[in-house]
Amino acid sequence: MRWVRLLLLGLASVYPLYWTAQFILFFLPETLIGFWLGEPVRVVSISYLQVTGSAQSSLGVPAYSEALIFALLASLAILALHGDRFLTGALAIVLLGQSALLPFVNLALGRDRDLPVAVTGAAAAFGLIVIGLFRILRRTGGADYLDRLALLTLLAVLPQATLWVAFRIAYPNFDTRFLLMLLVPLYLGAIVAAALPAKLPEPDFSSVPWGEILATTAAAGLLILAITLSSHSGGALSSQANSVGGRVGQVVSLKCSARVPQRLAAHARGMLT
C-alpha cells in the first residue's frame, strides 16, 4: 500500500508540475519583461502541453538561456524556502531541469548548432535533475542502489512515462522524439542520483501523506478545467471576430459595388481579408 501511495503521488503531481514549469520558463520571463518595459505581451498559445508568450523586447539573451536562468532561480527559491521538504517540491526541481534541458538538446541537434553552449547548458540543466532526484531520496530513503533506483522510478520516471503515453494516444501527431528527450535524461539522472554516495535513512513512506496526494490531484483537475474553459472562450471569441469581420466585408463590398468600379471593390475586399 505504501508503494501505491508513492506511485499515486507521482501520477497526481506530474502534470500540474510540468505545466507550471513550462509557465515559469517560457511565459513568465516574457511577461515580466513586458510589464517592466510597459510593452504588451502576446500570448502565443495556451494548451494542455504548455503556455508560451512573446514580448517586443527581451533580456538580450537567447530563449534557451532565459529558460535555464529562470529554472535555476525557481529551484533556488524552492530550496531556500525549504519546499523540498515535500516530495512535490523536489519533483518540481526535476521538472524544471527537464524543461530547461530540452532547448539545449534542440540546439545541439539543430542546423545552427553551437555545441559548447549546448553542452554547458545541458550539463547545468541535468545537474538540476540530479539535485531534485537526490532531494527526493533524502525524503524517501533507500537501503541500497536498487532500492533507491526503484523508488525514483516509481515516483518520477513511471508517472511521466504514463503521462506522455497518454498524450501520444490522444494526439497521434505527438512527436516521439519529444518523449525520448524527456524520459532518457530523467532515467539517466535517476541512475546517477541513486549511485551518489550518501547515508540515506531507511525508506519511510509516512512522508507521503494522503493530503499531498489529494491536493495535487485537485490541482491537476482545476488546471485541466481552466485550460479547457480558456480554449472554449478563445474559440468563441475567434469565431465572433470572424463573424464581425465577414459582416464588415459585406458592407464594404456593397458600398464599393455601388460607388466605385468593380476592380476597386475587389481590392477593398482583399484588404479586409
C-alpha atoms as a PDB file:
ATOM      1  CA  MET A   1       0.000   0.000   0.000  1.00  0.00           C
ATOM      2  CA  ARG A   2       2.882   2.393   0.745  1.00  0.00           C
ATOM      3  CA  TRP A   3       4.394   1.838  -2.690  1.00  0.00           C
ATOM      4  CA  VAL A   4       0.971   2.563  -4.162  1.00  0.00           C
ATOM      5  CA  ARG A   5       0.838   5.880  -2.307  1.00  0.00           C
ATOM      6  CA  LEU A   6       4.194   6.862  -3.760  1.00  0.00           C
ATOM      7  CA  LEU A   7       3.037   5.981  -7.273  1.00  0.00           C
ATOM      8  CA  LEU A   8      -0.261   7.832  -6.793  1.00  0.00           C
ATOM      9  CA  LEU A   9       1.601  10.955  -5.699  1.00  0.00           C
ATOM     10  CA  GLY A  10       3.735  10.818  -8.827  1.00  0.00           C
ATOM     11  CA  LEU A  11       0.744  10.315 -11.104  1.00  0.00           C
ATOM     12  CA  ALA A  12      -1.212  13.125  -9.448  1.00  0.00           C
ATOM     13  CA  SER A  13       1.575  15.704  -9.348  1.00  0.00           C
ATOM     14  CA  VAL A  14       3.498  15.193 -12.595  1.00  0.00           C
ATOM     15  CA  TYR A  15       1.087  17.051 -14.880  1.00  0.00           C
ATOM     16  CA  PRO A  16       0.486  20.236 -12.821  1.00  0.00           C
ATOM     17  CA  LEU A  17       4.196  20.448 -12.002  1.00  0.00           C
ATOM     18  CA  TYR A  18       5.190  20.026 -15.652  1.00  0.00           C
ATOM     19  CA  TRP A  19       2.715  22.668 -16.845  1.00  0.00           C
ATOM     20  CA  THR A  20       3.825  25.054 -14.096  1.00  0.00           C
ATOM     21  CA  ALA A  21       7.458  24.544 -15.099  1.00  0.00           C
ATOM     22  CA  GLN A  22       6.559  25.417 -18.690  1.00  0.00           C
ATOM     23  CA  PHE A  23       4.771  28.532 -17.441  1.00  0.00           C
ATOM     24  CA  ILE A  24       7.759  29.647 -15.364  1.00  0.00           C
ATOM     25  CA  LEU A  25      10.339  29.081 -18.098  1.00  0.00           C
ATOM     26  CA  PHE A  26       8.559  30.113 -21.286  1.00  0.00           C
ATOM     27  CA  PHE A  27       5.807  32.555 -20.287  1.00  0.00           C
ATOM     28  CA  LEU A  28       6.884  34.276 -17.085  1.00  0.00           C
ATOM     29  CA  PRO A  29      10.131  35.808 -18.494  1.00  0.00           C
ATOM     30  CA  GLU A  30       8.301  37.468 -21.393  1.00  0.00           C
ATOM     31  CA  THR A  31       5.532  38.669 -19.077  1.00  0.00           C
ATOM     32  CA  LEU A  32       7.959  40.236 -16.614  1.00  0.00           C
ATOM     33  CA  ILE A  33       9.862  41.950 -19.428  1.00  0.00           C
ATOM     34  CA  GLY A  34       6.637  43.319 -20.876  1.00  0.00           C
ATOM     35  CA  PHE A  35       5.405  44.674 -17.543  1.00  0.00           C
ATOM     36  CA  TRP A  36       8.808  46.143 -16.693  1.00  0.00           C
ATOM     37  CA  LEU A  37       9.133  47.980 -20.006  1.00  0.00           C
ATOM     38  CA  GLY A  38       5.444  48.789 -20.327  1.00  0.00           C
ATOM     39  CA  GLU A  39       5.096  46.762 -23.513  1.00  0.00           C
ATOM     40  CA  PRO A  40       2.221  44.474 -24.494  1.00  0.00           C
ATOM     41  CA  VAL A  41       2.692  40.753 -24.009  1.00  0.00           C
ATOM     42  CA  ARG A  42       1.183  38.458 -26.619  1.00  0.00           C
ATOM     43  CA  VAL A  43       0.012  35.016 -25.547  1.00  0.00           C
ATOM     44  CA  VAL A  44       1.300  32.747 -28.296  1.00  0.00           C
ATOM     45  CA  SER A  45      -0.501  29.591 -27.201  1.00  0.00           C
ATOM     46  CA  ILE A  46      -2.301  28.021 -24.250  1.00  0.00           C
ATOM     47  CA  SER A  47      -2.682  24.279 -24.494  1.00  0.00           C
ATOM     48  CA  TYR A  48      -2.658  21.174 -22.345  1.00  0.00           C
ATOM     49  CA  LEU A  49       1.081  20.896 -23.001  1.00  0.00           C
ATOM     50  CA  GLN A  50       2.314  24.414 -22.310  1.00  0.00           C
ATOM     51  CA  VAL A  51       1.729  28.144 -22.343  1.00  0.00           C
ATOM     52  CA  THR A  52       4.044  30.489 -24.239  1.00  0.00           C
ATOM     53  CA  GLY A  53       4.183  34.258 -24.538  1.00  0.00           C
ATOM     54  CA  SER A  54       6.080  36.837 -26.526  1.00  0.00           C
ATOM     55  CA  ALA A  55       7.160  40.402 -25.793  1.00  0.00           C
ATOM     56  CA  GLN A  56       8.620  43.015 -28.122  1.00  0.00           C
ATOM     57  CA  SER A  57      11.861  43.254 -26.137  1.00  0.00           C
ATOM     58  CA  SER A  58      13.963  40.591 -24.441  1.00  0.00           C
ATOM     59  CA  LEU A  59      16.681  40.221 -21.816  1.00  0.00           C
ATOM     60  CA  GLY A  60      19.303  40.278 -24.553  1.00  0.00           C
ATOM     61  CA  VAL A  61      19.991  36.555 -24.200  1.00  0.00           C
ATOM     62  CA  PRO A  62      18.639  33.630 -26.239  1.00  0.00           C
ATOM     63  CA  ALA A  63      15.383  31.985 -25.191  1.00  0.00           C
ATOM     64  CA  TYR A  64      17.131  28.811 -24.031  1.00  0.00           C
ATOM     65  CA  SER A  65      19.344  30.858 -21.720  1.00  0.00           C
ATOM     66  CA  GLU A  66      16.281  32.635 -20.306  1.00  0.00           C
ATOM     67  CA  ALA A  67      14.717  29.247 -19.561  1.00  0.00           C
ATOM     68  CA  LEU A  68      17.837  27.986 -17.787  1.00  0.00           C
ATOM     69  CA  ILE A  69      18.182  31.186 -15.736  1.00  0.00           C
ATOM     70  CA  PHE A  70      14.582  31.022 -14.541  1.00  0.00           C
ATOM     71  CA  ALA A  71      14.901  27.284 -13.850  1.00  0.00           C
ATOM     72  CA  LEU A  72      17.908  27.990 -11.613  1.00  0.00           C
ATOM     73  CA  LEU A  73      16.134  30.864  -9.870  1.00  0.00           C
ATOM     74  CA  ALA A  74      12.975  28.842  -9.266  1.00  0.00           C
ATOM     75  CA  SER A  75      14.991  25.888  -7.956  1.00  0.00           C
ATOM     76  CA  LEU A  76      16.951  28.140  -5.609  1.00  0.00           C
ATOM     77  CA  ALA A  77      13.677  29.595  -4.356  1.00  0.00           C
ATOM     78  CA  ILE A  78      12.336  26.102  -3.637  1.00  0.00           C
ATOM     79  CA  LEU A  79      15.492  25.179  -1.727  1.00  0.00           C
ATOM     80  CA  ALA A  80      15.629  28.496   0.138  1.00  0.00           C
ATOM     81  CA  LEU A  81      12.000  28.185   1.249  1.00  0.00           C
ATOM     82  CA  HIS A  82      12.560  24.509   2.171  1.00  0.00           C
ATOM     83  CA  GLY A  83       9.970  23.441  -0.366  1.00  0.00           C
ATOM     84  CA  ASP A  84      11.968  20.274  -0.925  1.00  0.00           C
ATOM     85  CA  ARG A  85      10.663  19.039   2.430  1.00  0.00           C
ATOM     86  CA  PHE A  86       7.726  17.887   0.348  1.00  0.00           C
ATOM     87  CA  LEU A  87       8.193  15.304  -2.361  1.00  0.00           C
ATOM     88  CA  THR A  88       6.318  17.511  -4.814  1.00  0.00           C
ATOM     89  CA  GLY A  89       8.794  20.342  -4.154  1.00  0.00           C
ATOM     90  CA  ALA A  90      11.759  18.133  -5.006  1.00  0.00           C
ATOM     91  CA  LEU A  91       9.914  16.750  -8.019  1.00  0.00           C
ATOM     92  CA  ALA A  92       9.325  20.333  -9.197  1.00  0.00           C
ATOM     93  CA  ILE A  93      13.108  20.853  -9.342  1.00  0.00           C
ATOM     94  CA  VAL A  94      13.378  17.732 -11.504  1.00  0.00           C
ATOM     95  CA  LEU A  95      10.760  19.001 -13.954  1.00  0.00           C
ATOM     96  CA  LEU A  96      12.332  22.457 -14.088  1.00  0.00           C
ATOM     97  CA  GLY A  97      15.612  20.821 -15.060  1.00  0.00           C
ATOM     98  CA  GLN A  98      13.909  18.688 -17.707  1.00  0.00           C
ATOM     99  CA  SER A  99      12.108  21.659 -19.240  1.00  0.00           C
ATOM    100  CA  ALA A 100      15.313  23.718 -19.306  1.00  0.00           C
ATOM    101  CA  LEU A 101      17.235  20.825 -20.866  1.00  0.00           C
ATOM    102  CA  LEU A 102      15.038  20.454 -23.960  1.00  0.00           C
ATOM    103  CA  PRO A 103      16.081  23.725 -25.704  1.00  0.00           C
ATOM    104  CA  PHE A 104      19.757  22.814 -25.380  1.00  0.00           C
ATOM    105  CA  VAL A 105      19.121  19.355 -26.833  1.00  0.00           C
ATOM    106  CA  ASN A 106      17.383  21.016 -29.784  1.00  0.00           C
ATOM    107  CA  LEU A 107      20.321  23.417 -30.079  1.00  0.00           C
ATOM    108  CA  ALA A 108      22.766  20.519 -30.248  1.00  0.00           C
ATOM    109  CA  LEU A 109      20.705  18.652 -32.852  1.00  0.00           C
ATOM    110  CA  GLY A 110      19.554  21.617 -34.959  1.00  0.00           C
ATOM    111  CA  ARG A 111      21.059  23.215 -38.015  1.00  0.00           C
ATOM    112  CA  ASP A 112      22.551  26.214 -36.205  1.00  0.00           C
ATOM    113  CA  ARG A 113      24.223  24.025 -33.631  1.00  0.00           C
ATOM    114  CA  ASP A 114      26.508  25.500 -31.018  1.00  0.00           C
ATOM    115  CA  LEU A 115      27.996  22.534 -29.202  1.00  0.00           C
ATOM    116  CA  PRO A 116      29.918  24.403 -26.442  1.00  0.00           C
ATOM    117  CA  VAL A 117      26.831  26.361 -25.408  1.00  0.00           C
ATOM    118  CA  ALA A 118      24.584  23.318 -25.786  1.00  0.00           C
ATOM    119  CA  VAL A 119      26.837  21.082 -23.686  1.00  0.00           C
ATOM    120  CA  THR A 120      27.285  23.702 -20.954  1.00  0.00           C
ATOM    121  CA  GLY A 121      23.574  24.471 -20.696  1.00  0.00           C
ATOM    122  CA  ALA A 122      22.592  20.810 -20.867  1.00  0.00           C
ATOM    123  CA  ALA A 123      25.045  19.961 -18.081  1.00  0.00           C
ATOM    124  CA  ALA A 124      23.577  22.671 -15.846  1.00  0.00           C
ATOM    125  CA  ALA A 125      20.007  21.530 -16.534  1.00  0.00           C
ATOM    126  CA  PHE A 126      20.959  17.883 -15.978  1.00  0.00           C
ATOM    127  CA  GLY A 127      22.509  18.918 -12.676  1.00  0.00           C
ATOM    128  CA  LEU A 128      19.117  20.296 -11.600  1.00  0.00           C
ATOM    129  CA  ILE A 129      17.508  16.955 -12.462  1.00  0.00           C
ATOM    130  CA  VAL A 130      20.041  15.061 -10.340  1.00  0.00           C
ATOM    131  CA  ILE A 131      19.674  17.514  -7.433  1.00  0.00           C
ATOM    132  CA  GLY A 132      15.902  17.185  -7.466  1.00  0.00           C
ATOM    133  CA  LEU A 133      16.055  13.379  -7.596  1.00  0.00           C
ATOM    134  CA  PHE A 134      18.603  13.286  -4.773  1.00  0.00           C
ATOM    135  CA  ARG A 135      16.363  15.502  -2.645  1.00  0.00           C
ATOM    136  CA  ILE A 136      13.572  13.005  -3.264  1.00  0.00           C
ATOM    137  CA  LEU A 137      15.810  10.242  -1.914  1.00  0.00           C
ATOM    138  CA  ARG A 138      16.525  12.340   1.162  1.00  0.00           C
ATOM    139  CA  ARG A 139      12.798  12.157   1.879  1.00  0.00           C
ATOM    140  CA  THR A 140      12.081   8.563   0.907  1.00  0.00           C
ATOM    141  CA  GLY A 141      15.346   6.954   1.991  1.00  0.00           C
ATOM    142  CA  GLY A 142      16.804   3.871   0.377  1.00  0.00           C
ATOM    143  CA  ALA A 143      18.581   0.779   1.625  1.00  0.00           C
ATOM    144  CA  ASP A 144      20.792   0.132  -1.395  1.00  0.00           C
ATOM    145  CA  TYR A 145      21.303   1.187  -5.004  1.00  0.00           C
ATOM    146  CA  LEU A 146      18.497  -0.890  -6.486  1.00  0.00           C
ATOM    147  CA  ASP A 147      16.092   0.232  -3.781  1.00  0.00           C
ATOM    148  CA  ARG A 148      16.866   3.890  -4.480  1.00  0.00           C
ATOM    149  CA  LEU A 149      16.523   3.435  -8.226  1.00  0.00           C
ATOM    150  CA  ALA A 150      13.198   1.673  -7.754  1.00  0.00           C
ATOM    151  CA  LEU A 151      11.885   4.492  -5.567  1.00  0.00           C
ATOM    152  CA  LEU A 152      12.898   7.154  -8.107  1.00  0.00           C
ATOM    153  CA  THR A 153      11.404   5.132 -10.934  1.00  0.00           C
ATOM    154  CA  LEU A 154       8.154   4.782  -9.030  1.00  0.00           C
ATOM    155  CA  LEU A 155       7.788   8.469  -8.195  1.00  0.00           C
ATOM    156  CA  ALA A 156       9.432  10.277 -11.117  1.00  0.00           C
ATOM    157  CA  VAL A 157      10.014   8.058 -14.145  1.00  0.00           C
ATOM    158  CA  LEU A 158       6.933   5.846 -14.344  1.00  0.00           C
ATOM    159  CA  PRO A 159       4.359   8.657 -13.852  1.00  0.00           C
ATOM    160  CA  GLN A 160       5.992  10.712 -16.597  1.00  0.00           C
ATOM    161  CA  ALA A 161       6.067   7.766 -18.949  1.00  0.00           C
ATOM    162  CA  THR A 162       2.350   7.233 -18.280  1.00  0.00           C
ATOM    163  CA  LEU A 163       1.599  10.904 -18.918  1.00  0.00           C
ATOM    164  CA  TRP A 164       3.464  11.058 -22.219  1.00  0.00           C
ATOM    165  CA  VAL A 165       1.983   7.787 -23.445  1.00  0.00           C
ATOM    166  CA  ALA A 166      -1.465   9.245 -22.713  1.00  0.00           C
ATOM    167  CA  PHE A 167      -0.593  12.351 -24.735  1.00  0.00           C
ATOM    168  CA  ARG A 168       0.740  10.171 -27.523  1.00  0.00           C
ATOM    169  CA  ILE A 169      -2.563   8.281 -27.666  1.00  0.00           C
ATOM    170  CA  ALA A 170      -4.636  11.478 -27.528  1.00  0.00           C
ATOM    171  CA  TYR A 171      -2.530  13.301 -30.132  1.00  0.00           C
ATOM    172  CA  PRO A 172      -1.363  10.991 -32.959  1.00  0.00           C
ATOM    173  CA  ASN A 173       0.967  13.724 -34.281  1.00  0.00           C
ATOM    174  CA  PHE A 174       2.777  13.920 -30.951  1.00  0.00           C
ATOM    175  CA  ASP A 175       6.498  13.672 -31.697  1.00  0.00           C
ATOM    176  CA  THR A 176       8.039  10.516 -30.232  1.00  0.00           C
ATOM    177  CA  ARG A 177      11.445  12.210 -30.097  1.00  0.00           C
ATOM    178  CA  PHE A 178       9.958  14.601 -27.545  1.00  0.00           C
ATOM    179  CA  LEU A 179       9.219  11.628 -25.300  1.00  0.00           C
ATOM    180  CA  LEU A 180      12.766  10.354 -25.587  1.00  0.00           C
ATOM    181  CA  MET A 181      14.296  13.783 -24.912  1.00  0.00           C
ATOM    182  CA  LEU A 182      12.287  13.961 -21.672  1.00  0.00           C
ATOM    183  CA  LEU A 183      12.483  10.401 -20.387  1.00  0.00           C
ATOM    184  CA  VAL A 184      16.050   9.412 -21.286  1.00  0.00           C
ATOM    185  CA  PRO A 185      17.732  12.269 -19.309  1.00  0.00           C
ATOM    186  CA  LEU A 186      15.327  11.622 -16.438  1.00  0.00           C
ATOM    187  CA  TYR A 187      16.249   7.956 -16.185  1.00  0.00           C
ATOM    188  CA  LEU A 188      19.948   8.728 -16.538  1.00  0.00           C
ATOM    189  CA  GLY A 189      19.547  11.257 -13.740  1.00  0.00           C
ATOM    190  CA  ALA A 190      17.856   8.611 -11.595  1.00  0.00           C
ATOM    191  CA  ILE A 191      20.790   6.266 -12.200  1.00  0.00           C
ATOM    192  CA  VAL A 192      23.282   8.972 -11.175  1.00  0.00           C
ATOM    193  CA  ALA A 193      21.281  10.129  -8.129  1.00  0.00           C
ATOM    194  CA  ALA A 194      20.832   6.576  -6.878  1.00  0.00           C
ATOM    195  CA  ALA A 195      24.573   5.952  -7.195  1.00  0.00           C
ATOM    196  CA  LEU A 196      25.661   9.048  -5.257  1.00  0.00           C
ATOM    197  CA  PRO A 197      27.466   8.070  -2.057  1.00  0.00           C
ATOM    198  CA  ALA A 198      25.322   9.266   0.808  1.00  0.00           C
ATOM    199  CA  LYS A 199      23.959   7.855   4.022  1.00  0.00           C
ATOM    200  CA  LEU A 200      20.224   7.810   3.493  1.00  0.00           C
ATOM    201  CA  PRO A 201      17.594   6.814   6.024  1.00  0.00           C
ATOM    202  CA  GLU A 202      15.559   3.684   5.679  1.00  0.00           C
ATOM    203  CA  PRO A 203      12.532   4.006   3.374  1.00  0.00           C
ATOM    204  CA  ASP A 204       9.869   5.973   5.230  1.00  0.00           C
ATOM    205  CA  PHE A 205       6.636   6.257   3.302  1.00  0.00           C
ATOM    206  CA  SER A 206       4.945   8.174   6.104  1.00  0.00           C
ATOM    207  CA  SER A 207       6.351  11.221   4.255  1.00  0.00           C
ATOM    208  CA  VAL A 208       3.755  10.566   1.536  1.00  0.00           C
ATOM    209  CA  PRO A 209       0.571  11.824   3.206  1.00  0.00           C
ATOM    210  CA  TRP A 210      -2.816  11.397   1.602  1.00  0.00           C
ATOM    211  CA  GLY A 211      -3.332  15.160   1.919  1.00  0.00           C
ATOM    212  CA  GLU A 212      -0.495  15.843  -0.514  1.00  0.00           C
ATOM    213  CA  ILE A 213      -1.898  13.294  -2.960  1.00  0.00           C
ATOM    214  CA  LEU A 214      -5.393  14.802  -2.776  1.00  0.00           C
ATOM    215  CA  ALA A 215      -4.060  18.368  -3.088  1.00  0.00           C
ATOM    216  CA  THR A 216      -2.055  17.593  -6.225  1.00  0.00           C
ATOM    217  CA  THR A 217      -4.997  15.689  -7.701  1.00  0.00           C
ATOM    218  CA  ALA A 218      -7.247  18.696  -7.135  1.00  0.00           C
ATOM    219  CA  ALA A 219      -4.614  20.994  -8.662  1.00  0.00           C
ATOM    220  CA  ALA A 220      -4.415  18.808 -11.756  1.00  0.00           C
ATOM    221  CA  GLY A 221      -8.201  18.784 -12.130  1.00  0.00           C
ATOM    222  CA  LEU A 222      -8.501  22.556 -11.735  1.00  0.00           C
ATOM    223  CA  LEU A 223      -5.680  23.127 -14.227  1.00  0.00           C
ATOM    224  CA  ILE A 224      -7.303  20.926 -16.869  1.00  0.00           C
ATOM    225  CA  LEU A 225     -10.645  22.653 -16.269  1.00  0.00           C
ATOM    226  CA  ALA A 226      -9.089  26.114 -16.593  1.00  0.00           C
ATOM    227  CA  ILE A 227      -7.295  25.220 -19.838  1.00  0.00           C
ATOM    228  CA  THR A 228     -10.488  23.719 -21.262  1.00  0.00           C
ATOM    229  CA  LEU A 229     -12.531  26.816 -20.403  1.00  0.00           C
ATOM    230  CA  SER A 230      -9.892  29.162 -21.822  1.00  0.00           C
ATOM    231  CA  SER A 231      -9.747  27.131 -25.038  1.00  0.00           C
ATOM    232  CA  HIS A 232     -13.536  27.275 -25.456  1.00  0.00           C
ATOM    233  CA  SER A 233     -13.687  31.006 -24.684  1.00  0.00           C
ATOM    234  CA  GLY A 234     -10.808  31.679 -27.085  1.00  0.00           C
ATOM    235  CA  GLY A 235     -12.556  29.741 -29.824  1.00  0.00           C
ATOM    236  CA  ALA A 236     -15.806  31.615 -29.230  1.00  0.00           C
ATOM    237  CA  LEU A 237     -14.048  34.982 -29.403  1.00  0.00           C
ATOM    238  CA  SER A 238     -12.268  33.967 -32.587  1.00  0.00           C
ATOM    239  CA  SER A 239     -15.473  32.859 -34.282  1.00  0.00           C
ATOM    240  CA  GLN A 240     -17.202  36.049 -33.169  1.00  0.00           C
ATOM    241  CA  ALA A 241     -14.364  38.147 -34.578  1.00  0.00           C
ATOM    242  CA  ASN A 242     -14.525  36.261 -37.863  1.00  0.00           C
ATOM    243  CA  SER A 243     -18.298  36.811 -37.975  1.00  0.00           C
ATOM    244  CA  VAL A 244     -17.917  40.543 -37.389  1.00  0.00           C
ATOM    245  CA  GLY A 245     -15.165  40.728 -39.983  1.00  0.00           C
ATOM    246  CA  GLY A 246     -17.368  38.943 -42.507  1.00  0.00           C
ATOM    247  CA  ARG A 247     -20.266  41.381 -41.964  1.00  0.00           C
ATOM    248  CA  VAL A 248     -17.946  44.371 -42.313  1.00  0.00           C
ATOM    249  CA  GLY A 249     -16.595  42.900 -45.523  1.00  0.00           C
ATOM    250  CA  GLN A 250     -20.113  42.522 -46.902  1.00  0.00           C
ATOM    251  CA  VAL A 251     -21.000  46.136 -46.083  1.00  0.00           C
ATOM    252  CA  VAL A 252     -17.842  47.490 -47.663  1.00  0.00           C
ATOM    253  CA  SER A 253     -18.389  45.284 -50.691  1.00  0.00           C
ATOM    254  CA  LEU A 254     -21.908  46.651 -51.209  1.00  0.00           C
ATOM    255  CA  LYS A 255     -20.739  50.230 -50.878  1.00  0.00           C
ATOM    256  CA  CYS A 256     -17.864  49.670 -53.240  1.00  0.00           C
ATOM    257  CA  SER A 257     -20.042  47.993 -55.861  1.00  0.00           C
ATOM    258  CA  ALA A 258     -22.450  50.915 -55.748  1.00  0.00           C
ATOM    259  CA  ARG A 259     -19.971  53.793 -55.867  1.00  0.00           C
ATOM    260  CA  VAL A 260     -16.679  52.581 -57.336  1.00  0.00           C
ATOM    261  CA  PRO A 261     -15.674  50.337 -60.219  1.00  0.00           C
ATOM    262  CA  GLN A 262     -15.629  46.573 -59.761  1.00  0.00           C
ATOM    263  CA  ARG A 263     -11.811  46.403 -59.593  1.00  0.00           C
ATOM    264  CA  LEU A 264     -11.699  48.734 -56.576  1.00  0.00           C
ATOM    265  CA  ALA A 265     -14.403  46.712 -54.843  1.00  0.00           C
ATOM    266  CA  ALA A 266     -12.349  43.544 -55.225  1.00  0.00           C
ATOM    267  CA  HIS A 267      -9.286  45.349 -53.901  1.00  0.00           C
ATOM    268  CA  ALA A 268     -11.226  46.519 -50.850  1.00  0.00           C
ATOM    269  CA  ARG A 269     -12.404  43.011 -50.096  1.00  0.00           C
ATOM    270  CA  GLY A 270      -8.844  41.746 -50.405  1.00  0.00           C
ATOM    271  CA  MET A 271      -7.613  44.339 -47.904  1.00  0.00           C
ATOM    272  CA  LEU A 272     -10.191  43.198 -45.363  1.00  0.00           C
ATOM    273  CA  THR A 273      -9.379  39.535 -45.696  1.00  0.00           C
END
